[in-house]
Amino acid sequence: MDANTFWSSLEKPDGDSGCWIWTKSKTPQGYGRVYYPPKGNVYTHRLAYELVKGPISEGLHVCHACDNRLCVRPEHLWLGTLADNTRDMFQKKRHRPRVKYSEDTVNQAFVLRALGHTLSYISGLLGMSIGHTGRILNGGMESGRVSSVKKGTAFRPQGESHYLAKVANTDAVRMRELYTQGVSQAQIAREFRVRPLTVHRIVHYQTYTALSLLHPIFSQIINWQDVVFNWS
């Protein structure tokens, strides 16, 4: 594509201030993209800027004053650093707000999972995505907001409370009892219909390492001595 073809591939509204919209291929993020020799594949707004205003210095971004990603009108484009572009985004409130969940919602997710419900059921009931539900149950979200959790600073579910758990806490306890009584790991695996590796990790305390370390909310609604360890 040459410059003439490029400029003829735009939708220009009547008037002197409207956006010039790129009408051909675009990226999944909504920016125009074109093959322009010898540059190769380039963003259309960057190409438009260079064709009219000249080269773009290394490290600079071509930003949209109009906030229209498909606009290539040179008067709507300005150069700025990544920090400038980010600042402009926040000032115009174009960023995605951080997803937040109340502490009650997070606690309900833990309780529902402990009662055996699936991620799909929990997420649908609480109005959360499956991905967020899984991250919460695996300690990847702090209560109330999406964030990266530093090791040791947030509750991380143990045993059957972990959203990937395959074995109930009571079964894990029973596996260890059988193993101490001399039953082989292969026999235990057959009895509980799990892989021998799963049994190996449980009886050697590589998994289910802290069955008593349960989320504090559980103690408010469930007698875990009866439900988890079946003391009766």
Protein backbone atom coordinates (compact mmCIF):
# COMPACT_ATOMS: atom_id res chain seq x y z
CA MET A 1 0.00 0.00 0.00
CA ASP A 2 1.26 3.48 -0.89
CA ALA A 3 0.39 6.85 0.68
CA ASN A 4 -2.37 7.65 -1.79
CA THR A 5 -4.09 4.32 -1.22
CA PHE A 6 -3.73 4.81 2.52
CA TRP A 7 -5.45 8.21 2.56
CA SER A 8 -8.19 6.95 0.24
CA SER A 9 -9.05 4.13 2.70
CA LEU A 10 -10.54 6.54 5.24
CA GLU A 11 -14.06 7.55 6.12
CA LYS A 12 -14.13 11.32 6.49
CA PRO A 13 -17.22 13.03 7.90
CA ASP A 14 -18.44 16.42 6.84
CA GLY A 15 -16.96 19.29 8.81
CA ASP A 16 -13.51 20.35 9.88
CA SER A 17 -13.13 18.61 13.25
CA GLY A 18 -14.40 15.04 12.87
CA CYS A 19 -12.28 11.90 13.04
CA TRP A 20 -10.82 10.27 9.95
CA ILE A 21 -11.69 6.61 10.42
CA TRP A 22 -9.56 3.78 9.08
CA THR A 23 -11.96 1.37 7.34
CA LYS A 24 -9.79 -1.66 6.64
CA SER A 25 -8.00 -4.21 8.85
CA LYS A 26 -7.61 -3.65 12.56
CA THR A 27 -6.13 -5.40 15.59
CA PRO A 28 -8.16 -7.22 18.27
CA GLN A 29 -7.52 -4.16 20.46
CA GLY A 30 -9.29 -1.92 17.95
CA TYR A 31 -6.34 -0.13 16.32
CA GLY A 32 -5.97 0.16 12.56
CA ARG A 33 -3.15 -1.85 11.06
CA VAL A 34 -1.69 -1.96 7.56
CA TYR A 35 1.25 -3.33 5.62
CA TYR A 36 3.28 -0.36 4.40
CA PRO A 37 6.60 -1.06 2.63
CA PRO A 38 9.35 -0.83 3.66
CA LYS A 39 8.15 -0.52 7.27
CA GLY A 40 6.09 -3.70 7.23
CA ASN A 41 3.00 -4.00 9.43
CA VAL A 42 2.37 -0.71 11.22
CA TYR A 43 -0.37 0.96 13.23
CA THR A 44 -2.33 3.31 11.01
CA HIS A 45 -2.31 6.22 13.48
CA ARG A 46 1.48 6.05 13.72
CA LEU A 47 1.78 5.88 9.95
CA ALA A 48 -0.52 8.89 9.52
CA TYR A 49 1.53 10.89 11.99
CA GLU A 50 4.79 10.09 10.23
CA LEU A 51 3.40 10.85 6.76
CA VAL A 52 2.29 14.32 7.81
CA LYS A 53 4.43 15.38 10.76
CA GLY A 54 7.63 13.41 10.33
CA PRO A 55 9.57 10.66 12.15
CA ILE A 56 8.64 9.51 15.65
CA SER A 57 11.47 9.52 18.15
CA GLU A 58 12.27 6.21 19.81
CA GLY A 59 10.29 5.58 22.97
CA LEU A 60 7.44 7.94 22.12
CA HIS A 61 3.82 6.96 21.59
CA VAL A 62 1.32 8.45 19.17
CA CYS A 63 -1.68 9.32 21.35
CA HIS A 64 -5.26 10.16 20.37
CA ALA A 65 -6.71 13.46 21.56
CA CYS A 66 -10.11 12.16 20.36
CA ASP A 67 -9.77 8.76 22.11
CA ASN A 68 -10.85 7.02 18.88
CA ARG A 69 -8.40 4.21 18.16
CA LEU A 70 -9.31 4.04 14.47
CA CYS A 71 -8.84 7.77 13.93
CA VAL A 72 -5.83 8.75 11.81
CA ARG A 73 -6.49 12.47 11.47
CA PRO A 74 -3.11 14.16 12.12
CA GLU A 75 -4.73 17.05 14.02
CA HIS A 76 -6.07 14.50 16.54
CA LEU A 77 -2.68 12.86 17.16
CA TRP A 78 0.04 13.92 19.56
CA LEU A 79 3.33 12.49 20.76
CA GLY A 80 3.91 11.50 24.36
CA THR A 81 5.71 9.04 26.58
CA LEU A 82 4.07 5.96 28.06
CA ALA A 83 3.60 7.94 31.27
CA ASP A 84 1.90 10.76 29.33
CA ASN A 85 -0.43 8.30 27.63
CA THR A 86 -1.27 6.56 30.92
CA ARG A 87 -1.90 9.89 32.66
CA ASP A 88 -4.21 10.94 29.84
CA MET A 89 -6.07 7.62 30.10
CA PHE A 90 -6.73 8.07 33.82
CA GLN A 91 -7.68 11.72 33.48
CA LYS A 92 -10.28 10.78 30.87
CA LYS A 93 -11.37 7.75 32.90
CA ARG A 94 -10.76 5.35 30.02
CA HIS A 95 -9.05 2.72 32.19
CA ARG A 96 -10.78 -0.40 33.42
CA PRO A 97 -11.61 -0.07 37.11
CA ARG A 98 -10.20 -2.75 39.39
CA VAL A 99 -12.66 -5.54 40.01
CA LYS A 100 -13.79 -5.54 43.63
CA TYR A 101 -15.76 -8.00 45.69
CA SER A 102 -17.09 -7.49 49.17
CA GLU A 103 -15.69 -9.49 52.06
CA ASP A 104 -19.07 -11.19 52.44
CA THR A 105 -18.96 -12.35 48.80
CA VAL A 106 -15.44 -13.73 49.22
CA ASN A 107 -16.43 -15.55 52.41
CA GLN A 108 -19.49 -17.03 50.70
CA ALA A 109 -17.26 -18.36 47.92
CA PHE A 110 -15.08 -20.22 50.46
CA VAL A 111 -18.11 -21.64 52.24
CA LEU A 112 -19.80 -22.81 49.06
CA ARG A 113 -16.61 -24.50 47.87
CA ALA A 114 -16.17 -26.24 51.23
CA LEU A 115 -19.70 -27.58 50.87
CA GLY A 116 -18.72 -29.21 47.59
CA HIS A 117 -20.11 -26.82 44.98
CA THR A 118 -18.35 -26.35 41.65
CA LEU A 119 -16.62 -23.19 40.45
CA SER A 120 -19.30 -22.78 37.79
CA TYR A 121 -22.08 -22.93 40.37
CA ILE A 122 -20.31 -20.56 42.77
CA SER A 123 -19.46 -17.99 40.12
CA GLY A 124 -22.98 -18.04 38.73
CA LEU A 125 -24.58 -17.71 42.15
CA LEU A 126 -22.32 -14.85 43.30
CA GLY A 127 -22.11 -13.03 39.98
CA MET A 128 -18.35 -13.56 39.55
CA SER A 129 -16.30 -14.87 36.65
CA ILE A 130 -15.00 -18.43 36.94
CA GLY A 131 -11.44 -17.10 36.71
CA HIS A 132 -11.91 -14.69 39.61
CA THR A 133 -13.65 -17.39 41.66
CA GLY A 134 -10.74 -19.77 41.13
CA ARG A 135 -8.18 -17.11 42.05
CA ILE A 136 -10.05 -16.25 45.25
CA LEU A 137 -10.29 -19.87 46.34
CA ASN A 138 -6.62 -20.43 45.58
CA GLY A 139 -5.48 -17.37 47.51
CA GLY A 140 -4.77 -15.33 44.37
CA MET A 141 -7.11 -12.52 45.41
CA GLU A 142 -7.22 -10.63 48.63
CA SER A 143 -10.60 -10.15 50.23
CA GLY A 144 -12.42 -7.36 48.45
CA ARG A 145 -10.20 -6.78 45.43
CA VAL A 146 -8.19 -8.38 42.67
CA SER A 147 -4.47 -8.27 43.39
CA SER A 148 -1.32 -10.32 43.48
CA VAL A 149 -0.93 -11.79 46.93
CA LYS A 150 2.49 -11.86 48.51
CA LYS A 151 3.47 -15.22 49.88
CA GLY A 152 2.31 -15.63 53.44
CA THR A 153 0.14 -12.49 53.54
CA ALA A 154 -3.23 -14.03 52.67
CA PHE A 155 -5.18 -17.18 53.51
CA ARG A 156 -4.43 -19.96 51.08
CA PRO A 157 -6.96 -22.81 51.15
CA GLN A 158 -5.72 -26.18 52.27
CA GLY A 159 -6.97 -29.71 51.55
CA GLU A 160 -10.40 -30.01 50.03
CA SER A 161 -10.91 -26.22 50.27
CA HIS A 162 -8.41 -25.80 47.42
CA TYR A 163 -10.41 -25.41 44.22
CA LEU A 164 -8.34 -28.08 42.45
CA ALA A 165 -8.66 -30.63 45.25
CA LYS A 166 -9.54 -34.19 44.19
CA VAL A 167 -9.74 -35.79 47.64
CA ALA A 168 -11.93 -34.91 50.62
CA ASN A 169 -10.24 -34.08 53.92
CA THR A 170 -11.78 -37.13 55.59
CA ASP A 171 -10.39 -39.39 52.86
CA ALA A 172 -6.94 -37.82 53.20
CA VAL A 173 -6.97 -38.51 56.93
CA ARG A 174 -8.09 -42.09 56.33
CA MET A 175 -5.33 -42.62 53.73
CA ARG A 176 -2.72 -41.62 56.27
CA GLU A 177 -4.22 -43.93 58.88
CA LEU A 178 -4.13 -46.88 56.48
CA TYR A 179 -0.58 -46.10 55.45
CA THR A 180 0.61 -46.07 59.08
CA GLN A 181 -1.11 -49.45 59.52
CA GLY A 182 1.04 -50.92 56.75
CA VAL A 183 -1.35 -50.75 53.81
CA SER A 184 0.54 -50.10 50.59
CA GLN A 185 0.08 -46.91 48.60
CA ALA A 186 -1.10 -48.96 45.60
CA GLN A 187 -3.84 -50.60 47.67
CA ILE A 188 -4.93 -47.24 49.06
CA ALA A 189 -5.04 -45.77 45.57
CA ARG A 190 -7.29 -48.60 44.38
CA GLU A 191 -9.62 -48.25 47.35
CA PHE A 192 -10.11 -44.51 46.91
CA ARG A 193 -9.91 -44.62 43.09
CA VAL A 194 -7.12 -42.09 42.78
CA ARG A 195 -3.66 -42.16 41.27
CA PRO A 196 -0.82 -43.68 43.34
CA LEU A 197 1.02 -40.36 43.04
CA THR A 198 -1.90 -38.61 44.75
CA VAL A 199 -1.69 -41.06 47.63
CA HIS A 200 2.08 -40.68 47.83
CA ARG A 201 1.82 -36.92 48.15
CA ILE A 202 -0.90 -37.12 50.81
CA VAL A 203 0.68 -39.77 53.04
CA HIS A 204 4.05 -38.01 52.87
CA TYR A 205 2.45 -34.65 53.73
CA GLN A 206 3.38 -33.03 50.45
CA THR A 207 -0.28 -32.05 50.06
CA TYR A 208 -3.07 -31.62 52.63
CA THR A 209 -0.35 -30.38 54.95
CA ALA A 210 -2.53 -28.34 57.27
CA LEU A 211 -6.03 -29.72 57.44
CA SER A 212 -6.71 -27.77 60.62
CA LEU A 213 -5.84 -24.43 59.02
CA LEU A 214 -9.28 -23.51 57.74
CA HIS A 215 -10.71 -20.17 56.73
CA PRO A 216 -11.93 -18.23 59.81
CA ILE A 217 -15.44 -17.86 58.38
CA PHE A 218 -15.99 -21.61 58.65
CA SER A 219 -15.89 -21.57 62.43
CA GLN A 220 -18.90 -19.24 62.43
CA ILE A 221 -21.23 -21.59 60.59
CA ILE A 222 -19.89 -25.15 60.65
CA ASN A 223 -18.68 -27.53 63.34
CA TRP A 224 -15.59 -28.77 61.54
CA GLN A 225 -14.88 -31.49 64.12
CA ASP A 226 -18.04 -33.21 62.93
CA VAL A 227 -18.00 -32.34 59.22
CA VAL A 228 -14.32 -32.57 58.30
CA PHE A 229 -12.76 -35.02 60.70
CA ASN A 230 -15.86 -37.04 61.62
CA TRP A 231 -14.93 -37.38 65.28
CA SER A 232 -18.19 -39.11 66.26
